[in-house]
C-alpha atoms as a PDB file:
ATOM      1  CA  MET A   1     121.866 134.671  98.816  1.00  0.00           C
ATOM      2  CA  ILE A   2     123.052 131.602 100.744  1.00  0.00           C
ATOM      3  CA  ALA A   3     125.235 130.441  97.851  1.00  0.00           C
ATOM      4  CA  ASP A   4     126.692 133.951  97.447  1.00  0.00           C
ATOM      5  CA  SER A   5     127.530 134.067 101.144  1.00  0.00           C
ATOM      6  CA  LEU A   6     129.190 130.655 101.045  1.00  0.00           C
ATOM      7  CA  TYR A   7     131.202 131.632  97.972  1.00  0.00           C
ATOM      8  CA  SER A   8     132.309 134.852  99.675  1.00  0.00           C
ATOM      9  CA  VAL A   9     133.466 132.895 102.714  1.00  0.00           C
ATOM     10  CA  LEU A  10     135.355 130.469 100.477  1.00  0.00           C
ATOM     11  CA  SER A  11     137.056 133.312  98.599  1.00  0.00           C
ATOM     12  CA  ALA A  12     138.022 135.002 101.856  1.00  0.00           C
ATOM     13  CA  LEU A  13     139.565 131.799 103.177  1.00  0.00           C
ATOM     14  CA  GLN A  14     141.566 131.324  99.985  1.00  0.00           C
ATOM     15  CA  THR A  15     142.897 134.870  99.734  1.00  0.00           C
ATOM     16  CA  ALA A  16     143.621 135.624 103.396  1.00  0.00           C
ATOM     17  CA  ALA A  17     147.397 135.792 103.505  1.00  0.00           C
ATOM     18  CA  VAL A  18     147.446 135.905 107.286  1.00  0.00           C
ATOM     19  CA  LEU A  19     146.234 132.304 107.497  1.00  0.00           C
ATOM     20  CA  ASP A  20     148.680 129.445 107.617  1.00  0.00           C
ATOM     21  CA  PRO A  21     148.165 127.073 104.615  1.00  0.00           C
ATOM     22  CA  GLU A  22     147.477 124.137 106.936  1.00  0.00           C
ATOM     23  CA  LEU A  23     144.881 126.138 108.859  1.00  0.00           C
ATOM     24  CA  LYS A  24     143.320 127.229 105.561  1.00  0.00           C
ATOM     25  CA  GLY A  25     142.892 123.607 104.570  1.00  0.00           C
ATOM     26  CA  GLU A  26     141.292 122.719 107.886  1.00  0.00           C
ATOM     27  CA  LEU A  27     138.906 125.700 107.685  1.00  0.00           C
ATOM     28  CA  LEU A  28     137.959 124.769 104.123  1.00  0.00           C
ATOM     29  CA  ALA A  29     137.151 121.270 105.374  1.00  0.00           C
ATOM     30  CA  VAL A  30     134.872 122.800 108.018  1.00  0.00           C
ATOM     31  CA  LEU A  31     133.215 124.936 105.319  1.00  0.00           C
ATOM     32  CA  ALA A  32     132.580 121.821 103.229  1.00  0.00           C
ATOM     33  CA  ALA A  33     130.953 120.142 106.230  1.00  0.00           C
ATOM     34  CA  PHE A  34     128.649 123.128 106.803  1.00  0.00           C
ATOM     35  CA  CYS A  35     127.678 123.162 103.120  1.00  0.00           C
ATOM     36  CA  TRP A  36     126.820 119.466 103.193  1.00  0.00           C
ATOM     37  CA  ALA A  37     124.734 120.019 106.315  1.00  0.00           C
ATOM     38  CA  ALA A  38     122.888 122.948 104.708  1.00  0.00           C
ATOM     39  CA  GLY A  39     122.322 120.907 101.566  1.00  0.00           C
ATOM     40  CA  GLY A  40     120.065 118.420 103.351  1.00  0.00           C
ATOM     41  CA  PRO A  41     116.998 120.678 103.711  1.00  0.00           C
ATOM     42  CA  ILE A  42     117.536 122.010 100.183  1.00  0.00           C
ATOM     43  CA  TYR A  43     117.642 118.535  98.641  1.00  0.00           C
ATOM     44  CA  ARG A  44     114.625 117.418 100.675  1.00  0.00           C
ATOM     45  CA  LYS A  45     112.590 120.360  99.369  1.00  0.00           C
ATOM     46  CA  GLY A  46     113.467 119.524  95.775  1.00  0.00           C
ATOM     47  CA  LEU A  47     112.801 115.810  96.192  1.00  0.00           C
ATOM     48  CA  ASP A  48     109.171 116.555  97.046  1.00  0.00           C
ATOM     49  CA  THR A  49     108.444 116.601  93.312  1.00  0.00           C
ATOM     50  CA  THR A  50     111.104 114.355  91.782  1.00  0.00           C
ATOM     51  CA  ASP A  51     112.932 111.080  92.392  1.00  0.00           C
ATOM     52  CA  PRO A  52     116.469 110.787  93.836  1.00  0.00           C
ATOM     53  CA  TRP A  53     118.066 109.735  90.552  1.00  0.00           C
ATOM     54  CA  SER A  54     116.610 112.633  88.552  1.00  0.00           C
ATOM     55  CA  GLY A  55     117.338 115.075  91.372  1.00  0.00           C
ATOM     56  CA  ASN A  56     120.909 113.877  91.733  1.00  0.00           C
ATOM     57  CA  LEU A  57     121.446 114.211  87.990  1.00  0.00           C
ATOM     58  CA  MET A  58     120.126 117.798  88.042  1.00  0.00           C
ATOM     59  CA  ARG A  59     122.481 118.943  90.793  1.00  0.00           C
ATOM     60  CA  LEU A  60     125.487 117.090  89.336  1.00  0.00           C
ATOM     61  CA  ALA A  61     124.825 118.513  85.872  1.00  0.00           C
ATOM     62  CA  LEU A  62     124.637 122.074  87.226  1.00  0.00           C
ATOM     63  CA  ALA A  63     127.774 121.504  89.289  1.00  0.00           C
ATOM     64  CA  SER A  64     129.552 120.268  86.157  1.00  0.00           C
ATOM     65  CA  LEU A  65     128.600 123.440  84.291  1.00  0.00           C
ATOM     66  CA  GLY A  66     129.616 125.553  87.276  1.00  0.00           C
ATOM     67  CA  PHE A  67     133.089 124.057  87.486  1.00  0.00           C
ATOM     68  CA  LEU A  68     133.545 124.306  83.718  1.00  0.00           C
ATOM     69  CA  ALA A  69     132.677 128.015  83.961  1.00  0.00           C
ATOM     70  CA  LEU A  70     135.090 128.369  86.881  1.00  0.00           C
ATOM     71  CA  MET A  71     137.917 126.769  84.897  1.00  0.00           C
ATOM     72  CA  VAL A  72     137.206 129.003  81.900  1.00  0.00           C
ATOM     73  CA  THR A  73     137.157 132.096  84.130  1.00  0.00           C
ATOM     74  CA  GLN A  74     140.438 131.161  85.803  1.00  0.00           C
ATOM     75  CA  GLY A  75     141.999 130.113  82.505  1.00  0.00           C
ATOM     76  CA  THR A  76     142.771 126.582  83.711  1.00  0.00           C
ATOM     77  CA  LEU A  77     140.497 124.561  81.393  1.00  0.00           C
ATOM     78  CA  SER A  78     142.935 124.137  78.492  1.00  0.00           C
ATOM     79  CA  GLU A  79     145.844 123.463  80.825  1.00  0.00           C
ATOM     80  CA  SER A  80     143.826 120.938  82.824  1.00  0.00           C
ATOM     81  CA  LEU A  81     142.675 119.083  79.716  1.00  0.00           C
ATOM     82  CA  ALA A  82     146.257 118.956  78.473  1.00  0.00           C
ATOM     83  CA  ARG A  83     147.351 117.350  81.748  1.00  0.00           C
ATOM     84  CA  VAL A  84     144.739 114.594  81.603  1.00  0.00           C
ATOM     85  CA  SER A  85     146.692 111.566  80.463  1.00  0.00           C
ATOM     86  CA  THR A  86     145.200 108.108  80.100  1.00  0.00           C
ATOM     87  CA  SER A  87     146.210 107.154  83.633  1.00  0.00           C
ATOM     88  CA  ILE A  88     144.801 110.369  85.132  1.00  0.00           C
ATOM     89  CA  ALA A  89     141.547 109.849  83.223  1.00  0.00           C
ATOM     90  CA  VAL A  90     141.272 106.351  84.677  1.00  0.00           C
ATOM     91  CA  TRP A  91     141.785 107.685  88.215  1.00  0.00           C
ATOM     92  CA  LEU A  92     139.163 110.405  87.619  1.00  0.00           C
ATOM     93  CA  ILE A  93     136.624 107.869  86.382  1.00  0.00           C
ATOM     94  CA  LEU A  94     137.319 105.475  89.252  1.00  0.00           C
ATOM     95  CA  SER A  95     137.106 108.269  91.825  1.00  0.00           C
ATOM     96  CA  ALA A  96     133.825 109.565  90.418  1.00  0.00           C
ATOM     97  CA  PHE A  97     132.292 106.122  90.077  1.00  0.00           C
ATOM     98  CA  THR A  98     133.237 104.836  93.529  1.00  0.00           C
ATOM     99  CA  ALA A  99     132.030 107.973  95.348  1.00  0.00           C
ATOM    100  CA  LEU A 100     129.210 109.643  93.433  1.00  0.00           C
ATOM    101  CA  VAL A 101     127.691 106.601  91.713  1.00  0.00           C
ATOM    102  CA  LEU A 102     128.492 103.338  93.544  1.00  0.00           C
ATOM    103  CA  GLY A 103     128.906 104.797  97.038  1.00  0.00           C
ATOM    104  CA  ASP A 104     125.716 106.849  96.852  1.00  0.00           C
ATOM    105  CA  CYS A 105     123.764 103.931  95.352  1.00  0.00           C
ATOM    106  CA  LEU A 106     124.822 101.725  98.255  1.00  0.00           C
ATOM    107  CA  LEU A 107     123.800 104.478 100.667  1.00  0.00           C
ATOM    108  CA  LEU A 108     120.334 104.729  99.096  1.00  0.00           C
ATOM    109  CA  ARG A 109     119.880 100.967  99.303  1.00  0.00           C
ATOM    110  CA  SER A 110     120.904 100.886 102.967  1.00  0.00           C
ATOM    111  CA  LEU A 111     118.550 103.769 103.761  1.00  0.00           C
ATOM    112  CA  LYS A 112     115.710 101.789 102.204  1.00  0.00           C
ATOM    113  CA  ASP A 113     116.548  98.629 104.180  1.00  0.00           C
ATOM    114  CA  ILE A 114     117.319  99.915 107.689  1.00  0.00           C
ATOM    115  CA  GLY A 115     116.500 103.639 107.683  1.00  0.00           C
ATOM    116  CA  VAL A 116     118.412 106.857 108.209  1.00  0.00           C
ATOM    117  CA  ALA A 117     119.019 106.420 111.944  1.00  0.00           C
ATOM    118  CA  ARG A 118     120.950 103.183 111.396  1.00  0.00           C
ATOM    119  CA  THR A 119     122.611 103.983 108.083  1.00  0.00           C
ATOM    120  CA  ILE A 120     124.201 107.335 108.942  1.00  0.00           C
ATOM    121  CA  PRO A 121     126.315 106.158 111.907  1.00  0.00           C
ATOM    122  CA  ILE A 122     127.648 103.204 109.908  1.00  0.00           C
ATOM    123  CA  SER A 123     128.319 105.020 106.632  1.00  0.00           C
ATOM    124  CA  SER A 124     129.981 107.883 108.507  1.00  0.00           C
ATOM    125  CA  THR A 125     132.845 105.595 109.540  1.00  0.00           C
ATOM    126  CA  TYR A 126     134.606 106.354 106.244  1.00  0.00           C
ATOM    127  CA  PRO A 127     137.280 108.556 107.935  1.00  0.00           C
ATOM    128  CA  LEU A 128     138.634 105.471 109.671  1.00  0.00           C
ATOM    129  CA  PHE A 129     139.213 103.828 106.294  1.00  0.00           C
ATOM    130  CA  VAL A 130     140.716 107.018 104.849  1.00  0.00           C
ATOM    131  CA  VAL A 131     143.311 107.110 107.625  1.00  0.00           C
ATOM    132  CA  ALA A 132     144.100 103.444 107.007  1.00  0.00           C
ATOM    133  CA  TRP A 133     144.430 103.826 103.212  1.00  0.00           C
ATOM    134  CA  SER A 134     146.564 106.967 103.543  1.00  0.00           C
ATOM    135  CA  ALA A 135     148.956 105.177 105.871  1.00  0.00           C
ATOM    136  CA  LEU A 136     149.044 102.070 103.682  1.00  0.00           C
ATOM    137  CA  PHE A 137     149.438 103.612 100.220  1.00  0.00           C
ATOM    138  CA  TYR A 138     151.019 107.017 100.897  1.00  0.00           C
ATOM    139  CA  GLY A 139     153.082 106.158 103.965  1.00  0.00           C
ATOM    140  CA  LYS A 140     151.546 109.038 105.910  1.00  0.00           C
ATOM    141  CA  GLU A 141     152.137 109.052 109.632  1.00  0.00           C
ATOM    142  CA  THR A 142     148.984 108.668 111.683  1.00  0.00           C
ATOM    143  CA  SER A 143     149.210 110.165 115.138  1.00  0.00           C
ATOM    144  CA  LEU A 144     147.376 108.839 118.166  1.00  0.00           C
ATOM    145  CA  LEU A 145     145.521 112.157 118.447  1.00  0.00           C
ATOM    146  CA  MET A 146     144.222 111.841 114.877  1.00  0.00           C
ATOM    147  CA  VAL A 147     142.983 108.297 115.466  1.00  0.00           C
ATOM    148  CA  LEU A 148     141.410 109.264 118.796  1.00  0.00           C
ATOM    149  CA  GLY A 149     139.759 112.298 117.194  1.00  0.00           C
ATOM    150  CA  THR A 150     138.278 110.115 114.456  1.00  0.00           C
ATOM    151  CA  VAL A 151     136.862 107.726 117.045  1.00  0.00           C
ATOM    152  CA  PHE A 152     135.336 110.662 118.954  1.00  0.00           C
ATOM    153  CA  ILE A 153     133.626 111.892 115.789  1.00  0.00           C
ATOM    154  CA  VAL A 154     132.226 108.474 114.915  1.00  0.00           C
ATOM    155  CA  VAL A 155     130.868 108.059 118.464  1.00  0.00           C
ATOM    156  CA  ALA A 156     129.339 111.551 118.252  1.00  0.00           C
ATOM    157  CA  ILE A 157     127.511 110.708 115.042  1.00  0.00           C
ATOM    158  CA  LYS A 158     126.285 107.455 116.587  1.00  0.00           C
ATOM    159  CA  LEU A 159     124.860 109.295 119.604  1.00  0.00           C
ATOM    160  CA  ILE A 160     123.146 111.978 117.556  1.00  0.00           C
ATOM    161  CA  SER A 161     121.731 109.635 114.926  1.00  0.00           C
ATOM    162  CA  GLU A 162     120.362 107.150 117.472  1.00  0.00           C
ATOM    163  CA  PRO A 163     116.550 107.058 117.370  1.00  0.00           C
ATOM    164  CA  LYS A 164     114.446 107.670 120.464  1.00  0.00           C
ATOM    165  CA  GLN A 165     112.927 104.209 120.121  1.00  0.00           C
ATOM    166  CA  LYS A 166     114.506 101.055 118.760  1.00  0.00           C
ATOM    167  CA  LEU A 167     113.597 100.228 115.197  1.00  0.00           C
ATOM    168  CA  SER A 168     111.693  96.981 114.596  1.00  0.00           C
ATOM    169  CA  VAL A 169     113.958  95.695 111.844  1.00  0.00           C
ATOM    170  CA  ASP A 170     114.426  92.021 111.020  1.00  0.00           C
ATOM    171  CA  ALA A 171     117.876  90.847 112.144  1.00  0.00           C
ATOM    172  CA  SER A 172     118.916  89.492 108.740  1.00  0.00           C
ATOM    173  CA  LEU A 173     117.691  92.641 106.997  1.00  0.00           C
ATOM    174  CA  TYR A 174     119.590  94.800 109.470  1.00  0.00           C
ATOM    175  CA  THR A 175     122.781  92.792 108.926  1.00  0.00           C
ATOM    176  CA  LYS A 176     122.431  93.161 105.170  1.00  0.00           C
ATOM    177  CA  GLY A 177     121.708  96.885 105.427  1.00  0.00           C
ATOM    178  CA  ALA A 178     124.622  97.404 107.807  1.00  0.00           C
ATOM    179  CA  VAL A 179     127.034  95.643 105.436  1.00  0.00           C
ATOM    180  CA  ILE A 180     125.777  97.770 102.536  1.00  0.00           C
ATOM    181  CA  ALA A 181     126.212 100.980 104.564  1.00  0.00           C
ATOM    182  CA  LEU A 182     129.730  99.933 105.533  1.00  0.00           C
ATOM    183  CA  SER A 183     130.459  99.191 101.868  1.00  0.00           C
ATOM    184  CA  ALA A 184     129.354 102.730 101.009  1.00  0.00           C
ATOM    185  CA  ALA A 185     131.803 104.087 103.587  1.00  0.00           C
ATOM    186  CA  ILE A 186     134.607 102.016 102.057  1.00  0.00           C
ATOM    187  CA  CYS A 187     133.740 103.275  98.555  1.00  0.00           C
ATOM    188  CA  TRP A 188     133.826 106.895  99.694  1.00  0.00           C
ATOM    189  CA  SER A 189     137.117 106.383 101.522  1.00  0.00           C
ATOM    190  CA  ILE A 190     138.750 104.858  98.438  1.00  0.00           C
ATOM    191  CA  SER A 191     137.591 107.777  96.304  1.00  0.00           C
ATOM    192  CA  ILE A 192     138.835 110.311  98.859  1.00  0.00           C
ATOM    193  CA  VAL A 193     142.294 108.733  98.939  1.00  0.00           C
ATOM    194  CA  MET A 194     142.415 108.900  95.130  1.00  0.00           C
ATOM    195  CA  LEU A 195     141.943 112.657  95.480  1.00  0.00           C
ATOM    196  CA  ASP A 196     145.324 112.866  97.223  1.00  0.00           C
ATOM    197  CA  TYR A 197     146.949 111.937  93.917  1.00  0.00           C
ATOM    198  CA  LEU A 198     144.565 113.809  91.618  1.00  0.00           C
ATOM    199  CA  THR A 199     144.932 117.135  93.455  1.00  0.00           C
ATOM    200  CA  LYS A 200     148.697 116.939  92.957  1.00  0.00           C
ATOM    201  CA  VAL A 201     148.418 116.740  89.167  1.00  0.00           C
ATOM    202  CA  LEU A 202     145.318 118.863  88.476  1.00  0.00           C
ATOM    203  CA  PRO A 203     143.813 122.093  89.877  1.00  0.00           C
ATOM    204  CA  SER A 204     141.135 121.569  92.515  1.00  0.00           C
ATOM    205  CA  GLU A 205     138.354 122.913  90.299  1.00  0.00           C
ATOM    206  CA  ALA A 206     139.399 120.536  87.499  1.00  0.00           C
ATOM    207  CA  VAL A 207     139.359 117.492  89.769  1.00  0.00           C
ATOM    208  CA  ALA A 208     135.905 118.349  91.121  1.00  0.00           C
ATOM    209  CA  GLY A 209     134.512 119.386  87.728  1.00  0.00           C
ATOM    210  CA  PHE A 210     135.760 116.368  85.799  1.00  0.00           C
ATOM    211  CA  ARG A 211     134.416 114.009  88.496  1.00  0.00           C
ATOM    212  CA  PHE A 212     130.984 115.637  88.250  1.00  0.00           C
ATOM    213  CA  ILE A 213     131.015 115.358  84.460  1.00  0.00           C
ATOM    214  CA  VAL A 214     131.875 111.657  84.606  1.00  0.00           C
ATOM    215  CA  SER A 215     129.190 111.027  87.229  1.00  0.00           C
ATOM    216  CA  SER A 216     126.622 112.992  85.215  1.00  0.00           C
ATOM    217  CA  VAL A 217     127.298 110.853  82.147  1.00  0.00           C
ATOM    218  CA  ILE A 218     126.923 107.631  84.130  1.00  0.00           C
ATOM    219  CA  LEU A 219     123.755 108.857  85.865  1.00  0.00           C
ATOM    220  CA  SER A 220     122.324 110.004  82.517  1.00  0.00           C
ATOM    221  CA  ALA A 221     122.592 106.432  81.276  1.00  0.00           C
ATOM    222  CA  ILE A 222     120.781 105.185  84.387  1.00  0.00           C
ATOM    223  CA  VAL A 223     118.050 107.850  84.266  1.00  0.00           C
ATOM    224  CA  SER A 224     117.494 107.276  80.540  1.00  0.00           C
ATOM    225  CA  ARG A 225     116.125 103.856  81.467  1.00  0.00           C
ATOM    226  CA  SER A 226     114.163 104.760  84.589  1.00  0.00           C
ATOM    227  CA  GLY A 227     112.868 108.111  83.297  1.00  0.00           C
ATOM    228  CA  PHE A 228     113.781 111.731  84.066  1.00  0.00           C
ATOM    229  CA  PHE A 229     111.279 113.657  86.201  1.00  0.00           C
ATOM    230  CA  TRP A 230     111.466 117.373  86.942  1.00  0.00           C
ATOM    231  CA  ASP A 231     109.359 120.484  87.472  1.00  0.00           C
ATOM    232  CA  LYS A 232     109.905 124.095  88.525  1.00  0.00           C
ATOM    233  CA  ASN A 233     110.171 123.234  92.223  1.00  0.00           C
ATOM    234  CA  SER A 234     112.722 120.453  91.817  1.00  0.00           C
ATOM    235  CA  LEU A 235     114.766 122.461  89.316  1.00  0.00           C
ATOM    236  CA  MET A 236     114.896 125.478  91.632  1.00  0.00           C
ATOM    237  CA  TRP A 237     115.721 123.613  94.853  1.00  0.00           C
ATOM    238  CA  ILE A 238     117.716 120.486  94.126  1.00  0.00           C
ATOM    239  CA  GLY A 239     118.856 121.618  90.682  1.00  0.00           C
ATOM    240  CA  ILE A 240     119.943 125.251  91.041  1.00  0.00           C
ATOM    241  CA  ALA A 241     120.225 125.727  94.824  1.00  0.00           C
ATOM    242  CA  GLY A 242     121.526 122.199  95.368  1.00  0.00           C
ATOM    243  CA  GLY A 243     123.997 122.556  92.526  1.00  0.00           C
ATOM    244  CA  LEU A 244     125.382 125.811  93.944  1.00  0.00           C
ATOM    245  CA  VAL A 245     125.850 124.245  97.380  1.00  0.00           C
ATOM    246  CA  LEU A 246     127.524 121.284  95.703  1.00  0.00           C
ATOM    247  CA  ILE A 247     129.952 123.560  93.837  1.00  0.00           C
ATOM    248  CA  VAL A 248     131.059 125.419  96.965  1.00  0.00           C
ATOM    249  CA  SER A 249     131.253 122.330  99.181  1.00  0.00           C
ATOM    250  CA  ASN A 250     133.195 120.174  96.745  1.00  0.00           C
ATOM    251  CA  TYR A 251     135.608 122.926  95.733  1.00  0.00           C
ATOM    252  CA  ALA A 252     136.307 123.560  99.412  1.00  0.00           C
ATOM    253  CA  PHE A 253     136.605 119.814 100.039  1.00  0.00           C
ATOM    254  CA  VAL A 254     139.023 119.104  97.183  1.00  0.00           C
ATOM    255  CA  GLU A 255     141.093 122.223  97.877  1.00  0.00           C
ATOM    256  CA  ALA A 256     141.313 121.211 101.549  1.00  0.00           C
ATOM    257  CA  ILE A 257     142.617 117.780 100.549  1.00  0.00           C
ATOM    258  CA  ARG A 258     145.220 119.432  98.322  1.00  0.00           C
ATOM    259  CA  MET A 259     146.395 121.570 101.254  1.00  0.00           C
ATOM    260  CA  VAL A 260     146.391 119.141 104.186  1.00  0.00           C
ATOM    261  CA  GLY A 261     145.620 115.675 102.800  1.00  0.00           C
ATOM    262  CA  SER A 262     142.636 113.350 103.024  1.00  0.00           C
ATOM    263  CA  ALA A 263     143.660 111.825 106.371  1.00  0.00           C
ATOM    264  CA  THR A 264     143.039 115.207 108.038  1.00  0.00           C
ATOM    265  CA  VAL A 265     140.120 116.392 105.897  1.00  0.00           C
ATOM    266  CA  ALA A 266     137.960 113.261 106.127  1.00  0.00           C
ATOM    267  CA  PRO A 267     137.531 113.255 109.929  1.00  0.00           C
ATOM    268  CA  ILE A 268     136.756 116.991 109.983  1.00  0.00           C
ATOM    269  CA  THR A 269     134.120 116.797 107.235  1.00  0.00           C
ATOM    270  CA  SER A 270     132.549 113.720 108.809  1.00  0.00           C
ATOM    271  CA  VAL A 271     130.903 115.961 111.421  1.00  0.00           C
ATOM    272  CA  TYR A 272     128.360 117.183 108.860  1.00  0.00           C
ATOM    273  CA  PRO A 273     125.572 114.947 110.273  1.00  0.00           C
ATOM    274  CA  VAL A 274     126.237 116.593 113.636  1.00  0.00           C
ATOM    275  CA  ILE A 275     125.842 120.035 112.069  1.00  0.00           C
ATOM    276  CA  SER A 276     122.691 118.826 110.307  1.00  0.00           C
ATOM    277  CA  VAL A 277     121.080 118.205 113.684  1.00  0.00           C
ATOM    278  CA  PHE A 278     121.504 121.856 114.641  1.00  0.00           C
ATOM    279  CA  VAL A 279     120.289 123.002 111.228  1.00  0.00           C
ATOM    280  CA  ALA A 280     117.167 120.908 111.847  1.00  0.00           C
ATOM    281  CA  ALA A 281     116.810 122.329 115.368  1.00  0.00           C
ATOM    282  CA  ILE A 282     116.980 125.907 114.072  1.00  0.00           C
ATOM    283  CA  PHE A 283     114.874 125.624 110.921  1.00  0.00           C
ATOM    284  CA  LEU A 284     112.672 122.618 111.732  1.00  0.00           C
ATOM    285  CA  ARG A 285     112.435 123.230 115.507  1.00  0.00           C
ATOM    286  CA  GLU A 286     113.587 119.732 116.434  1.00  0.00           C
ATOM    287  CA  LYS A 287     114.370 119.139 120.124  1.00  0.00           C
ATOM    288  CA  LEU A 288     118.006 118.853 121.248  1.00  0.00           C
ATOM    289  CA  THR A 289     118.294 115.834 123.550  1.00  0.00           C
ATOM    290  CA  PRO A 290     121.087 115.078 126.054  1.00  0.00           C
ATOM    291  CA  LYS A 291     122.515 112.589 123.552  1.00  0.00           C
ATOM    292  CA  VAL A 292     122.648 115.329 120.936  1.00  0.00           C
ATOM    293  CA  LEU A 293     124.475 117.665 123.302  1.00  0.00           C
ATOM    294  CA  ALA A 294     126.907 114.911 124.334  1.00  0.00           C
ATOM    295  CA  GLY A 295     127.530 114.077 120.691  1.00  0.00           C
ATOM    296  CA  THR A 296     128.188 117.714 119.919  1.00  0.00           C
ATOM    297  CA  PHE A 297     130.827 117.909 122.646  1.00  0.00           C
ATOM    298  CA  LEU A 298     132.503 114.733 121.381  1.00  0.00           C
ATOM    299  CA  SER A 299     132.406 116.034 117.814  1.00  0.00           C
ATOM    300  CA  PHE A 300     134.030 119.333 118.744  1.00  0.00           C
ATOM    301  CA  SER A 301     136.657 117.506 120.804  1.00  0.00           C
ATOM    302  CA  GLY A 302     137.317 115.116 117.935  1.00  0.00           C
ATOM    303  CA  VAL A 303     137.879 117.906 115.423  1.00  0.00           C
ATOM    304  CA  MET A 304     140.271 119.619 117.809  1.00  0.00           C
ATOM    305  CA  LEU A 305     142.229 116.380 118.267  1.00  0.00           C
ATOM    306  CA  VAL A 306     142.484 115.900 114.495  1.00  0.00           C
ATOM    307  CA  ILE A 307     143.750 119.452 114.016  1.00  0.00           C
ATOM    308  CA  LEU A 308     146.273 119.078 116.849  1.00  0.00           C
ATOM    309  CA  GLY A 309     147.358 115.707 115.483  1.00  0.00           C
END
């Protein structure tokens, strides 16, 4: 039901002629952020009975099949395959590897070393790098409002992710974990900037689908060594439900980049940890602290500044 509702919202955003294309892209970016936030509880439920590598492979494999079905339905599969030259294939592989394999592996390592509360604020700085890469490689103008909005969002995530009590983490271990988390942010930002080029030469569903296929192949090689673990619970939650959320969120994300560019999309989607806090408050009954409320205000203000910029 949730996936059907999200897909209906996505279809409505794409077909509404009254919406300006730029506004459509920004709304799709917001939709992607909400999907990522909703995915957290779903993935957590599935991971109760499987490991992260097996769970990630299940959701990526289902997402790959979903996007293949979408391309067949829309009649874009043959055309998309015909457009994939050697250079485009290289960009697809690099984009998939840096984001879904290397970036996520670095994130997992940082989470293990310094915990969620420290990793999320650092890894969520990727919009700053996206803005920098877009200006450097694509010559895109970066307004003061866009930069200020990005800073607001990063500060908001820092406030909301801050633990109630300081973590007793060894200084050297924290430094190492922080560098790894920052490296994950850089990997994601590089992959996102690559999408600027890929969405100009391939349909959005092809870009997302091909990246999932590449990542699934790479993860299959990794899981073949460590072992693949699954049961009914993990297949239902992280496999099927997680895969459906992944399809909607990534299609919305890639389509948003095609419409308005990564420099605008990245800061907007970076508020998903903020949204996750409210999802946790509603479904897990977690308390909203003053820092959470302050972070929410900064996040909203940041998104508005990015849109205005």
